Amino acid sequence: MVTVIEFDSSDVKAIDINGIAKELKRRLAAGGTVKDNVIEVQGDQRQRVKKLLVELGGV
């Protein structure tokens, strides 16, 4: 299972998607990758990702 976080293409230029992915992977102790405007995190991390994105600035 993979948790997918998709960003609006107009928002990707204004945010550090690679930095967000790195921080999510670190805090979740999970692997993952960035493809275009999508972050994929290994495992069913939906609830934890939601909480962390809010903590990271309401992305």
PDB file of N, CA and C in Angstrom:
ATOM      1  N   MET A   1       0.845  -1.169   0.000  1.00  0.00           N
ATOM      2  CA  MET A   1       0.000   0.000   0.000  1.00  0.00           C
ATOM      3  C   MET A   1       0.895   1.238   0.000  1.00  0.00           C
ATOM      4  N   VAL A   2       0.426   2.279  -0.651  1.00  0.00           N
ATOM      5  CA  VAL A   2       1.156   3.535  -0.761  1.00  0.00           C
ATOM      6  C   VAL A   2       0.197   4.681  -0.473  1.00  0.00           C
ATOM      7  N   THR A   3       0.665   5.675   0.267  1.00  0.00           N
ATOM      8  CA  THR A   3      -0.106   6.891   0.496  1.00  0.00           C
ATOM      9  C   THR A   3       0.367   7.928  -0.511  1.00  0.00           C
ATOM     10  N   VAL A   4      -0.565   8.522  -1.242  1.00  0.00           N
ATOM     11  CA  VAL A   4      -0.237   9.480  -2.297  1.00  0.00           C
ATOM     12  C   VAL A   4      -0.726  10.861  -1.888  1.00  0.00           C
ATOM     13  N   ILE A   5       0.180  11.847  -1.960  1.00  0.00           N
ATOM     14  CA  ILE A   5      -0.171  13.237  -1.678  1.00  0.00           C
ATOM     15  C   ILE A   5       0.047  14.013  -2.958  1.00  0.00           C
ATOM     16  N   GLU A   6      -1.031  14.523  -3.539  1.00  0.00           N
ATOM     17  CA  GLU A   6      -0.934  15.250  -4.806  1.00  0.00           C
ATOM     18  C   GLU A   6      -1.130  16.733  -4.552  1.00  0.00           C
ATOM     19  N   PHE A   7      -0.243  17.531  -5.134  1.00  0.00           N
ATOM     20  CA  PHE A   7      -0.310  18.983  -4.993  1.00  0.00           C
ATOM     21  C   PHE A   7      -0.811  19.608  -6.281  1.00  0.00           C
ATOM     22  N   ASP A   8      -1.572  20.679  -6.149  1.00  0.00           N
ATOM     23  CA  ASP A   8      -2.010  21.438  -7.302  1.00  0.00           C
ATOM     24  C   ASP A   8      -0.769  21.929  -8.038  1.00  0.00           C
ATOM     25  N   SER A   9      -0.748  21.796  -9.346  1.00  0.00           N
ATOM     26  CA  SER A   9       0.451  22.129 -10.117  1.00  0.00           C
ATOM     27  C   SER A   9       0.879  23.582  -9.940  1.00  0.00           C
ATOM     28  N   SER A  10      -0.050  24.483  -9.665  1.00  0.00           N
ATOM     29  CA  SER A  10       0.314  25.883  -9.453  1.00  0.00           C
ATOM     30  C   SER A  10       0.977  26.091  -8.095  1.00  0.00           C
ATOM     31  N   ASP A  11       0.715  25.188  -7.133  1.00  0.00           N
ATOM     32  CA  ASP A  11       1.305  25.288  -5.801  1.00  0.00           C
ATOM     33  C   ASP A  11       2.720  24.725  -5.734  1.00  0.00           C
ATOM     34  N   VAL A  12       3.055  23.809  -6.626  1.00  0.00           N
ATOM     35  CA  VAL A  12       4.337  23.113  -6.561  1.00  0.00           C
ATOM     36  C   VAL A  12       5.508  24.090  -6.666  1.00  0.00           C
ATOM     37  N   LYS A  13       5.374  25.109  -7.469  1.00  0.00           N
ATOM     38  CA  LYS A  13       6.461  26.071  -7.635  1.00  0.00           C
ATOM     39  C   LYS A  13       6.656  26.934  -6.392  1.00  0.00           C
ATOM     40  N   ALA A  14       5.618  27.098  -5.608  1.00  0.00           N
ATOM     41  CA  ALA A  14       5.680  27.970  -4.431  1.00  0.00           C
ATOM     42  C   ALA A  14       6.124  27.232  -3.169  1.00  0.00           C
ATOM     43  N   ILE A  15       6.143  25.900  -3.199  1.00  0.00           N
ATOM     44  CA  ILE A  15       6.517  25.131  -2.009  1.00  0.00           C
ATOM     45  C   ILE A  15       7.704  24.230  -2.329  1.00  0.00           C
ATOM     46  N   ASP A  16       8.361  23.767  -1.301  1.00  0.00           N
ATOM     47  CA  ASP A  16       9.500  22.863  -1.435  1.00  0.00           C
ATOM     48  C   ASP A  16       9.001  21.432  -1.307  1.00  0.00           C
ATOM     49  N   ILE A  17       8.512  20.877  -2.396  1.00  0.00           N
ATOM     50  CA  ILE A  17       7.913  19.538  -2.359  1.00  0.00           C
ATOM     51  C   ILE A  17       8.941  18.480  -1.956  1.00  0.00           C
ATOM     52  N   ASN A  18      10.193  18.642  -2.375  1.00  0.00           N
ATOM     53  CA  ASN A  18      11.233  17.684  -1.993  1.00  0.00           C
ATOM     54  C   ASN A  18      11.531  17.767  -0.498  1.00  0.00           C
ATOM     55  N   GLY A  19      11.539  18.969   0.041  1.00  0.00           N
ATOM     56  CA  GLY A  19      11.761  19.146   1.471  1.00  0.00           C
ATOM     57  C   GLY A  19      10.632  18.558   2.294  1.00  0.00           C
ATOM     58  N   ILE A  20       9.400  18.752   1.830  1.00  0.00           N
ATOM     59  CA  ILE A  20       8.245  18.189   2.520  1.00  0.00           C
ATOM     60  C   ILE A  20       8.320  16.666   2.492  1.00  0.00           C
ATOM     61  N   ALA A  21       8.650  16.100   1.347  1.00  0.00           N
ATOM     62  CA  ALA A  21       8.759  14.651   1.231  1.00  0.00           C
ATOM     63  C   ALA A  21       9.841  14.105   2.166  1.00  0.00           C
ATOM     64  N   LYS A  22      10.973  14.781   2.213  1.00  0.00           N
ATOM     65  CA  LYS A  22      12.068  14.348   3.079  1.00  0.00           C
ATOM     66  C   LYS A  22      11.636  14.349   4.548  1.00  0.00           C
ATOM     67  N   GLU A  23      10.945  15.410   4.957  1.00  0.00           N
ATOM     68  CA  GLU A  23      10.492  15.516   6.345  1.00  0.00           C
ATOM     69  C   GLU A  23       9.425  14.463   6.660  1.00  0.00           C
ATOM     70  N   LEU A  24       8.487  14.238   5.741  1.00  0.00           N
ATOM     71  CA  LEU A  24       7.464  13.210   5.955  1.00  0.00           C
ATOM     72  C   LEU A  24       8.110  11.837   6.111  1.00  0.00           C
ATOM     73  N   LYS A  25       9.042  11.516   5.226  1.00  0.00           N
ATOM     74  CA  LYS A  25       9.704  10.215   5.299  1.00  0.00           C
ATOM     75  C   LYS A  25      10.462  10.061   6.618  1.00  0.00           C
ATOM     76  N   ARG A  26      11.113  11.130   7.050  1.00  0.00           N
ATOM     77  CA  ARG A  26      11.867  11.080   8.309  1.00  0.00           C
ATOM     78  C   ARG A  26      10.938  10.855   9.491  1.00  0.00           C
ATOM     79  N   ARG A  27       9.869  11.643   9.568  1.00  0.00           N
ATOM     80  CA  ARG A  27       8.958  11.541  10.714  1.00  0.00           C
ATOM     81  C   ARG A  27       8.129  10.267  10.723  1.00  0.00           C
ATOM     82  N   LEU A  28       7.847   9.739   9.539  1.00  0.00           N
ATOM     83  CA  LEU A  28       7.038   8.522   9.448  1.00  0.00           C
ATOM     84  C   LEU A  28       7.895   7.261   9.455  1.00  0.00           C
ATOM     85  N   ALA A  29       9.205   7.427   9.367  1.00  0.00           N
ATOM     86  CA  ALA A  29      10.128   6.284   9.273  1.00  0.00           C
ATOM     87  C   ALA A  29       9.699   5.354   8.146  1.00  0.00           C
ATOM     88  N   ALA A  30       9.445   5.975   6.985  1.00  0.00           N
ATOM     89  CA  ALA A  30       8.970   5.228   5.826  1.00  0.00           C
ATOM     90  C   ALA A  30       9.715   5.689   4.583  1.00  0.00           C
ATOM     91  N   GLY A  31       9.777   4.832   3.614  1.00  0.00           N
ATOM     92  CA  GLY A  31      10.365   5.197   2.332  1.00  0.00           C
ATOM     93  C   GLY A  31       9.352   5.966   1.508  1.00  0.00           C
ATOM     94  N   GLY A  32       9.831   6.542   0.434  1.00  0.00           N
ATOM     95  CA  GLY A  32       8.931   7.267  -0.444  1.00  0.00           C
ATOM     96  C   GLY A  32       9.685   7.935  -1.565  1.00  0.00           C
ATOM     97  N   THR A  33       8.933   8.600  -2.424  1.00  0.00           N
ATOM     98  CA  THR A  33       9.524   9.258  -3.581  1.00  0.00           C
ATOM     99  C   THR A  33       8.674  10.452  -4.002  1.00  0.00           C
ATOM    100  N   VAL A  34       9.271  11.307  -4.836  1.00  0.00           N
ATOM    101  CA  VAL A  34       8.562  12.446  -5.421  1.00  0.00           C
ATOM    102  C   VAL A  34       8.544  12.245  -6.924  1.00  0.00           C
ATOM    103  N   LYS A  35       7.363  12.345  -7.520  1.00  0.00           N
ATOM    104  CA  LYS A  35       7.203  12.250  -8.971  1.00  0.00           C
ATOM    105  C   LYS A  35       6.330  13.410  -9.410  1.00  0.00           C
ATOM    106  N   ASP A  36       6.912  14.332 -10.179  1.00  0.00           N
ATOM    107  CA  ASP A  36       6.207  15.522 -10.647  1.00  0.00           C
ATOM    108  C   ASP A  36       5.626  16.279  -9.457  1.00  0.00           C
ATOM    109  N   ASN A  37       4.309  16.357  -9.345  1.00  0.00           N
ATOM    110  CA  ASN A  37       3.681  17.083  -8.239  1.00  0.00           C
ATOM    111  C   ASN A  37       3.027  16.132  -7.236  1.00  0.00           C
ATOM    112  N   VAL A  38       3.618  14.931  -7.086  1.00  0.00           N
ATOM    113  CA  VAL A  38       3.060  13.893  -6.217  1.00  0.00           C
ATOM    114  C   VAL A  38       4.143  13.362  -5.284  1.00  0.00           C
ATOM    115  N   ILE A  39       3.788  13.219  -4.005  1.00  0.00           N
ATOM    116  CA  ILE A  39       4.646  12.532  -3.048  1.00  0.00           C
ATOM    117  C   ILE A  39       4.008  11.189  -2.760  1.00  0.00           C
ATOM    118  N   GLU A  40       4.803  10.122  -2.867  1.00  0.00           N
ATOM    119  CA  GLU A  40       4.337   8.782  -2.518  1.00  0.00           C
ATOM    120  C   GLU A  40       5.095   8.330  -1.284  1.00  0.00           C
ATOM    121  N   VAL A  41       4.364   7.894  -0.264  1.00  0.00           N
ATOM    122  CA  VAL A  41       4.963   7.410   0.979  1.00  0.00           C
ATOM    123  C   VAL A  41       4.510   5.968   1.172  1.00  0.00           C
ATOM    124  N   GLN A  42       5.449   5.089   1.500  1.00  0.00           N
ATOM    125  CA  GLN A  42       5.121   3.687   1.677  1.00  0.00           C
ATOM    126  C   GLN A  42       4.200   3.473   2.878  1.00  0.00           C
ATOM    127  N   GLY A  43       3.219   2.616   2.681  1.00  0.00           N
ATOM    128  CA  GLY A  43       2.296   2.247   3.752  1.00  0.00           C
ATOM    129  C   GLY A  43       1.046   3.109   3.782  1.00  0.00           C
ATOM    130  N   ASP A  44       0.087   2.692   4.580  1.00  0.00           N
ATOM    131  CA  ASP A  44      -1.155   3.449   4.771  1.00  0.00           C
ATOM    132  C   ASP A  44      -0.894   4.494   5.852  1.00  0.00           C
ATOM    133  N   GLN A  45      -0.505   5.683   5.435  1.00  0.00           N
ATOM    134  CA  GLN A  45      -0.092   6.747   6.348  1.00  0.00           C
ATOM    135  C   GLN A  45      -1.074   7.925   6.328  1.00  0.00           C
ATOM    136  N   ARG A  46      -2.278   7.721   5.815  1.00  0.00           N
ATOM    137  CA  ARG A  46      -3.211   8.833   5.584  1.00  0.00           C
ATOM    138  C   ARG A  46      -3.421   9.727   6.798  1.00  0.00           C
ATOM    139  N   GLN A  47      -3.739   9.150   7.927  1.00  0.00           N
ATOM    140  CA  GLN A  47      -4.025   9.958   9.117  1.00  0.00           C
ATOM    141  C   GLN A  47      -2.785  10.691   9.612  1.00  0.00           C
ATOM    142  N   ARG A  48      -1.659   9.999   9.633  1.00  0.00           N
ATOM    143  CA  ARG A  48      -0.414  10.614  10.108  1.00  0.00           C
ATOM    144  C   ARG A  48       0.066  11.710   9.153  1.00  0.00           C
ATOM    145  N   VAL A  49      -0.073  11.469   7.837  1.00  0.00           N
ATOM    146  CA  VAL A  49       0.342  12.474   6.850  1.00  0.00           C
ATOM    147  C   VAL A  49      -0.494  13.731   6.997  1.00  0.00           C
ATOM    148  N   LYS A  50      -1.784  13.564   7.163  1.00  0.00           N
ATOM    149  CA  LYS A  50      -2.677  14.715   7.323  1.00  0.00           C
ATOM    150  C   LYS A  50      -2.230  15.569   8.508  1.00  0.00           C
ATOM    151  N   LYS A  51      -1.977  14.926   9.636  1.00  0.00           N
ATOM    152  CA  LYS A  51      -1.541  15.640  10.838  1.00  0.00           C
ATOM    153  C   LYS A  51      -0.205  16.341  10.620  1.00  0.00           C
ATOM    154  N   LEU A  52       0.745  15.653   9.995  1.00  0.00           N
ATOM    155  CA  LEU A  52       2.067  16.233   9.775  1.00  0.00           C
ATOM    156  C   LEU A  52       2.031  17.395   8.782  1.00  0.00           C
ATOM    157  N   LEU A  53       1.210  17.298   7.743  1.00  0.00           N
ATOM    158  CA  LEU A  53       1.118  18.401   6.787  1.00  0.00           C
ATOM    159  C   LEU A  53       0.585  19.667   7.462  1.00  0.00           C
ATOM    160  N   VAL A  54      -0.366  19.494   8.370  1.00  0.00           N
ATOM    161  CA  VAL A  54      -0.885  20.645   9.112  1.00  0.00           C
ATOM    162  C   VAL A  54       0.216  21.225   9.985  1.00  0.00           C
ATOM    163  N   GLU A  55       0.982  20.372  10.664  1.00  0.00           N
ATOM    164  CA  GLU A  55       2.095  20.831  11.494  1.00  0.00           C
ATOM    165  C   GLU A  55       3.162  21.549  10.684  1.00  0.00           C
ATOM    166  N   LEU A  56       3.363  21.117   9.441  1.00  0.00           N
ATOM    167  CA  LEU A  56       4.392  21.698   8.588  1.00  0.00           C
ATOM    168  C   LEU A  56       3.960  23.018   7.948  1.00  0.00           C
ATOM    169  N   GLY A  57       2.827  23.505   8.307  1.00  0.00           N
ATOM    170  CA  GLY A  57       2.409  24.802   7.798  1.00  0.00           C
ATOM    171  C   GLY A  57       1.126  24.797   7.010  1.00  0.00           C
ATOM    172  N   GLY A  58       0.326  23.788   7.201  1.00  0.00           N
ATOM    173  CA  GLY A  58      -0.980  23.776   6.548  1.00  0.00           C
ATOM    174  C   GLY A  58      -0.922  23.621   5.064  1.00  0.00           C
ATOM    175  N   VAL A  59       0.042  22.839   4.616  1.00  0.00           N
ATOM    176  CA  VAL A  59       0.205  22.606   3.171  1.00  0.00           C
ATOM    177  C   VAL A  59      -1.045  22.013   2.632  1.00  0.00           C
TER     178      VAL A  59
END
